[in-house]
Amino acid sequence: MDQIDLAIKLGRKSSSSVSEWEKGKYTPKIGVLNDIAEIFGVSITDLMNKDLSSDDGIRDKVISMYDSLDANRQQAVYNFTKQQYNEQNNVIEFPAPTRTQVSVYGAVSAGTGEYLLDGTPELVDYDGAVPEHDFAVVVNGDSMEPTFEDKQIIFVKKTNEARNGQFVIADYDHQAFVKKFMRDEHGARLVSLNKKYPDMLIDEDHELSIFGVVVF
C-alpha cells in the first residue's frame, strides 16, 4: 500500500504524516494506531510490539481458504489448529465423561414395595460405563444404602436362581424389590442393608419369584 493510499484511508489529505511515521520522526497517536491496525487486520498489540515485516499474509490466506471450505473440512481445520495450539502451550485435555442412554424397565423398591416392574422401557441418560446386562431398573427408597442409593440405576442379568449373598431383583408377594438374598441356619430371606428395615422371610406364607441378579 502506498503512503498516499494509507493516508486517504486515515482521512488525511497528504501522505506527509505517514512518511514521518515511517522515518521514525513521529509516532501516531493511539487512536490513529488503532485505525491503522484495523486497516491492516492486525491487533494493535502486535502492531506496536512485533516485527510484522515477515508476515507474508499467511493469516489472511488461511482465513480466505477456511471460508471457502465446507462445514466438515472447516471442523477438521479447527481440530488440527486446536491440536497445534495445545501442543505448543502444553495443554492437556481430559475426555468428557461418557454419557449414554439406557432402557429402564420400571422401578424396584428398596423400601416398602410400593412399585412394581412394568413392561414399558423408558430411555434415561446415564453417566459412566454400562456393564453387560439384560435389563435395568431404578431404585426407589433407602433400604439398600449405602450400596444402592435412591434413584440409582442398576443393571440386572436375568435368572430365576440366586446364590447366597447375591443382590437380587425379586417379586415378593407381587411387589418388586432389590434385596440381598441370604440362606443360612435361620432360613432363606431377603435382607435390607439399612437395618431399620426388617428381613423378608421366604416361606410358604409368601410368594417369591426372582427376576435376576444385580451386575456391577
Protein backbone atom coordinates (compact mmCIF):
# COMPACT_ATOMS: atom_id res chain seq x y z
CA MET A 1 0.00 0.00 0.00
CA ASP A 2 1.40 3.38 -0.96
CA GLN A 3 1.74 6.14 1.63
CA ILE A 4 -0.96 8.22 -0.05
CA ASP A 5 -3.36 5.25 -0.07
CA LEU A 6 -2.94 4.77 3.65
CA ALA A 7 -3.28 8.49 4.25
CA ILE A 8 -6.58 8.55 2.38
CA LYS A 9 -7.90 5.58 4.38
CA LEU A 10 -6.99 7.52 7.51
CA GLY A 11 -8.85 10.59 6.29
CA ARG A 12 -5.76 12.70 5.59
CA LYS A 13 -5.22 14.94 2.58
CA SER A 14 -1.47 14.22 2.19
CA SER A 15 0.98 11.47 2.91
CA SER A 16 3.42 13.65 4.87
CA SER A 17 2.40 12.22 8.27
CA VAL A 18 2.74 8.67 7.01
CA SER A 19 6.19 9.45 5.66
CA GLU A 20 7.27 10.90 9.01
CA TRP A 21 5.93 7.83 10.86
CA GLU A 22 7.91 5.52 8.58
CA LYS A 23 11.09 7.54 9.14
CA GLY A 24 10.58 7.31 12.88
CA LYS A 25 10.38 11.08 13.27
CA TYR A 26 6.94 10.93 14.85
CA THR A 27 4.70 8.24 16.37
CA PRO A 28 0.99 8.06 15.56
CA LYS A 29 -1.37 8.79 18.42
CA ILE A 30 -3.16 5.80 19.97
CA GLY A 31 -6.38 6.49 18.09
CA VAL A 32 -4.54 6.55 14.76
CA LEU A 33 -2.67 3.38 15.69
CA ASN A 34 -6.00 1.66 16.30
CA ASP A 35 -7.23 2.78 12.85
CA ILE A 36 -4.02 1.51 11.22
CA ALA A 37 -4.40 -1.86 12.99
CA GLU A 38 -7.95 -2.21 11.68
CA ILE A 39 -6.91 -1.30 8.13
CA PHE A 40 -4.21 -3.98 8.05
CA GLY A 41 -6.20 -6.55 10.01
CA VAL A 42 -3.78 -6.94 12.91
CA SER A 43 -4.11 -6.38 16.63
CA ILE A 44 -2.91 -3.07 17.98
CA THR A 45 -0.66 -5.01 20.39
CA ASP A 46 1.07 -6.80 17.51
CA LEU A 47 1.34 -3.52 15.58
CA MET A 48 3.17 -1.87 18.47
CA ASN A 49 5.30 -4.77 19.70
CA LYS A 50 6.01 -7.18 16.84
CA ASP A 51 8.02 -7.11 13.65
CA LEU A 52 5.27 -7.69 11.11
CA SER A 53 7.51 -7.28 8.08
CA SER A 54 7.99 -11.06 7.89
CA ASP A 55 4.24 -11.69 7.73
CA ASP A 56 3.55 -12.55 4.11
CA GLY A 57 -0.20 -12.53 4.59
CA ILE A 58 -0.45 -16.10 5.89
CA ARG A 59 -3.24 -15.19 8.29
CA ASP A 60 -5.39 -13.67 5.55
CA LYS A 61 -4.62 -16.59 3.23
CA VAL A 62 -5.64 -19.13 5.88
CA ILE A 63 -8.84 -17.26 6.65
CA SER A 64 -9.69 -16.97 2.96
CA MET A 65 -9.13 -20.69 2.36
CA TYR A 66 -11.03 -21.61 5.55
CA ASP A 67 -14.05 -19.59 4.44
CA SER A 68 -14.13 -21.49 1.13
CA LEU A 69 -14.28 -24.93 2.79
CA ASP A 70 -17.42 -26.89 3.55
CA ALA A 71 -18.53 -27.39 7.15
CA ASN A 72 -16.84 -30.78 7.64
CA ARG A 73 -13.48 -29.53 6.36
CA GLN A 74 -13.76 -26.39 8.49
CA GLN A 75 -14.23 -28.64 11.52
CA ALA A 76 -11.13 -30.61 10.50
CA VAL A 77 -9.12 -27.37 10.25
CA TYR A 78 -10.34 -26.32 13.68
CA ASN A 79 -9.43 -29.68 15.21
CA PHE A 80 -5.91 -29.54 13.74
CA THR A 81 -5.41 -25.94 14.84
CA LYS A 82 -6.58 -26.78 18.33
CA GLN A 83 -4.18 -29.73 18.48
CA GLN A 84 -1.28 -27.49 17.41
CA TYR A 85 -2.23 -24.87 19.97
CA ASN A 86 -2.46 -27.44 22.77
CA GLU A 87 0.91 -28.95 21.87
CA GLN A 88 2.58 -25.53 21.74
CA ASN A 89 1.12 -24.47 25.09
CA ASN A 90 1.37 -27.87 26.80
CA VAL A 91 -2.38 -28.02 27.24
CA ILE A 92 -3.72 -31.40 28.33
CA GLU A 93 -7.36 -32.09 27.57
CA PHE A 94 -9.25 -34.73 29.52
CA PRO A 95 -12.10 -36.54 27.76
CA ALA A 96 -15.58 -35.58 28.80
CA PRO A 97 -17.46 -38.15 30.90
CA THR A 98 -19.26 -40.63 28.71
CA ARG A 99 -22.99 -40.30 28.65
CA THR A 100 -25.33 -42.79 27.11
CA GLN A 101 -28.95 -43.80 27.34
CA VAL A 102 -30.22 -46.99 28.90
CA SER A 103 -33.64 -48.62 28.79
CA VAL A 104 -35.08 -48.65 32.30
CA TYR A 105 -37.89 -51.13 32.91
CA GLY A 106 -39.70 -49.52 35.79
CA ALA A 107 -38.69 -49.22 39.44
CA VAL A 108 -37.84 -51.63 42.22
CA SER A 109 -38.37 -50.72 45.82
CA ALA A 110 -35.58 -50.54 48.32
CA GLY A 111 -38.19 -49.72 50.92
CA THR A 112 -41.77 -50.79 51.36
CA GLY A 113 -42.52 -52.31 47.97
CA GLU A 114 -44.82 -49.63 46.60
CA TYR A 115 -43.61 -50.04 43.00
CA LEU A 116 -43.99 -52.88 40.56
CA LEU A 117 -41.95 -53.66 37.48
CA ASP A 118 -43.83 -52.88 34.30
CA GLY A 119 -43.00 -53.94 30.77
CA THR A 120 -42.57 -50.47 29.26
CA PRO A 121 -38.95 -49.28 29.00
CA GLU A 122 -38.00 -45.64 29.36
CA LEU A 123 -34.80 -44.19 27.87
CA VAL A 124 -32.81 -42.49 30.64
CA ASP A 125 -29.48 -40.63 30.43
CA TYR A 126 -26.68 -42.46 32.25
CA ASP A 127 -23.14 -41.28 33.03
CA GLY A 128 -20.42 -43.89 33.22
CA ALA A 129 -19.67 -47.36 31.96
CA VAL A 130 -22.62 -49.66 31.29
CA PRO A 131 -21.95 -53.31 32.22
CA GLU A 132 -23.27 -56.24 30.22
CA HIS A 133 -26.86 -56.71 31.33
CA ASP A 134 -30.31 -57.88 30.28
CA PHE A 135 -32.36 -55.03 31.71
CA ALA A 136 -32.05 -52.02 34.00
CA VAL A 137 -34.26 -50.69 36.78
CA VAL A 138 -34.23 -47.65 39.03
CA VAL A 139 -34.08 -47.93 42.81
CA ASN A 140 -36.77 -46.31 44.91
CA GLY A 141 -36.05 -45.91 48.60
CA ASP A 142 -33.12 -46.13 51.02
CA SER A 143 -33.23 -49.68 52.39
CA MET A 144 -30.17 -50.76 50.35
CA GLU A 145 -27.94 -47.79 51.16
CA PRO A 146 -25.03 -47.32 51.01
CA THR A 147 -24.63 -49.89 48.18
CA PHE A 148 -27.66 -48.71 46.21
CA GLU A 149 -28.95 -45.17 46.63
CA ASP A 150 -32.39 -43.77 45.99
CA LYS A 151 -33.00 -43.12 42.24
CA GLN A 152 -29.84 -45.03 41.25
CA ILE A 153 -29.98 -47.06 38.03
CA ILE A 154 -28.90 -50.67 38.48
CA PHE A 155 -28.24 -53.34 35.86
CA VAL A 156 -29.56 -56.88 36.02
CA LYS A 157 -28.81 -60.27 34.45
CA LYS A 158 -31.91 -62.41 34.04
CA THR A 159 -32.03 -65.57 36.14
CA ASN A 160 -34.56 -67.32 38.37
CA GLU A 161 -31.89 -68.57 40.73
CA ALA A 162 -29.54 -66.80 43.13
CA ARG A 163 -26.53 -67.72 45.23
CA ASN A 164 -26.24 -66.86 48.87
CA GLY A 165 -25.17 -63.23 49.31
CA GLN A 166 -26.14 -62.01 45.84
CA PHE A 167 -28.20 -58.87 45.27
CA VAL A 168 -31.41 -59.87 43.55
CA ILE A 169 -34.39 -58.28 41.86
CA ALA A 170 -37.33 -60.23 43.18
CA ASP A 171 -41.10 -60.24 43.14
CA TYR A 172 -42.14 -60.72 46.75
CA ASP A 173 -45.90 -61.01 47.25
CA HIS A 174 -46.46 -59.29 43.88
CA GLN A 175 -44.22 -56.32 44.57
CA ALA A 176 -40.74 -55.78 43.16
CA PHE A 177 -37.70 -55.32 45.40
CA VAL A 178 -33.93 -55.11 45.25
CA LYS A 179 -32.57 -57.05 48.24
CA LYS A 180 -29.72 -59.26 49.34
CA PHE A 181 -30.57 -62.95 49.15
CA MET A 182 -29.49 -64.89 52.23
CA ARG A 183 -29.81 -68.55 53.14
CA ASP A 184 -28.34 -69.94 56.38
CA GLU A 185 -29.34 -71.83 59.53
CA HIS A 186 -32.04 -69.23 60.09
CA GLY A 187 -33.68 -69.99 56.77
CA ALA A 188 -33.99 -68.10 53.46
CA ARG A 189 -34.80 -64.40 53.43
CA LEU A 190 -34.39 -61.11 51.62
CA VAL A 191 -32.21 -58.71 53.59
CA SER A 192 -32.01 -54.91 53.61
CA LEU A 193 -28.63 -53.25 54.19
CA ASN A 194 -30.32 -50.43 56.07
CA LYS A 195 -31.07 -52.08 59.41
CA LYS A 196 -34.20 -50.05 60.04
CA TYR A 197 -35.95 -52.39 57.58
CA PRO A 198 -36.81 -55.93 58.76
CA ASP A 199 -35.81 -59.08 56.86
CA MET A 200 -38.37 -60.51 54.47
CA LEU A 201 -38.80 -64.21 55.18
CA ILE A 202 -39.05 -66.68 52.33
CA ASP A 203 -41.50 -69.40 53.36
CA GLU A 204 -44.82 -70.95 52.47
CA ASP A 205 -46.65 -67.84 53.62
CA HIS A 206 -45.05 -65.63 50.93
CA GLU A 207 -44.81 -65.84 47.15
CA LEU A 208 -41.35 -65.24 45.65
CA SER A 209 -40.06 -65.03 42.10
CA ILE A 210 -36.52 -63.96 41.25
CA PHE A 211 -36.16 -61.83 38.12
CA GLY A 212 -32.38 -61.60 38.12
CA VAL A 213 -29.18 -60.65 39.94
CA VAL A 214 -27.54 -57.24 40.00
CA VAL A 215 -24.34 -56.84 37.96
CA PHE A 216 -21.66 -54.25 38.64
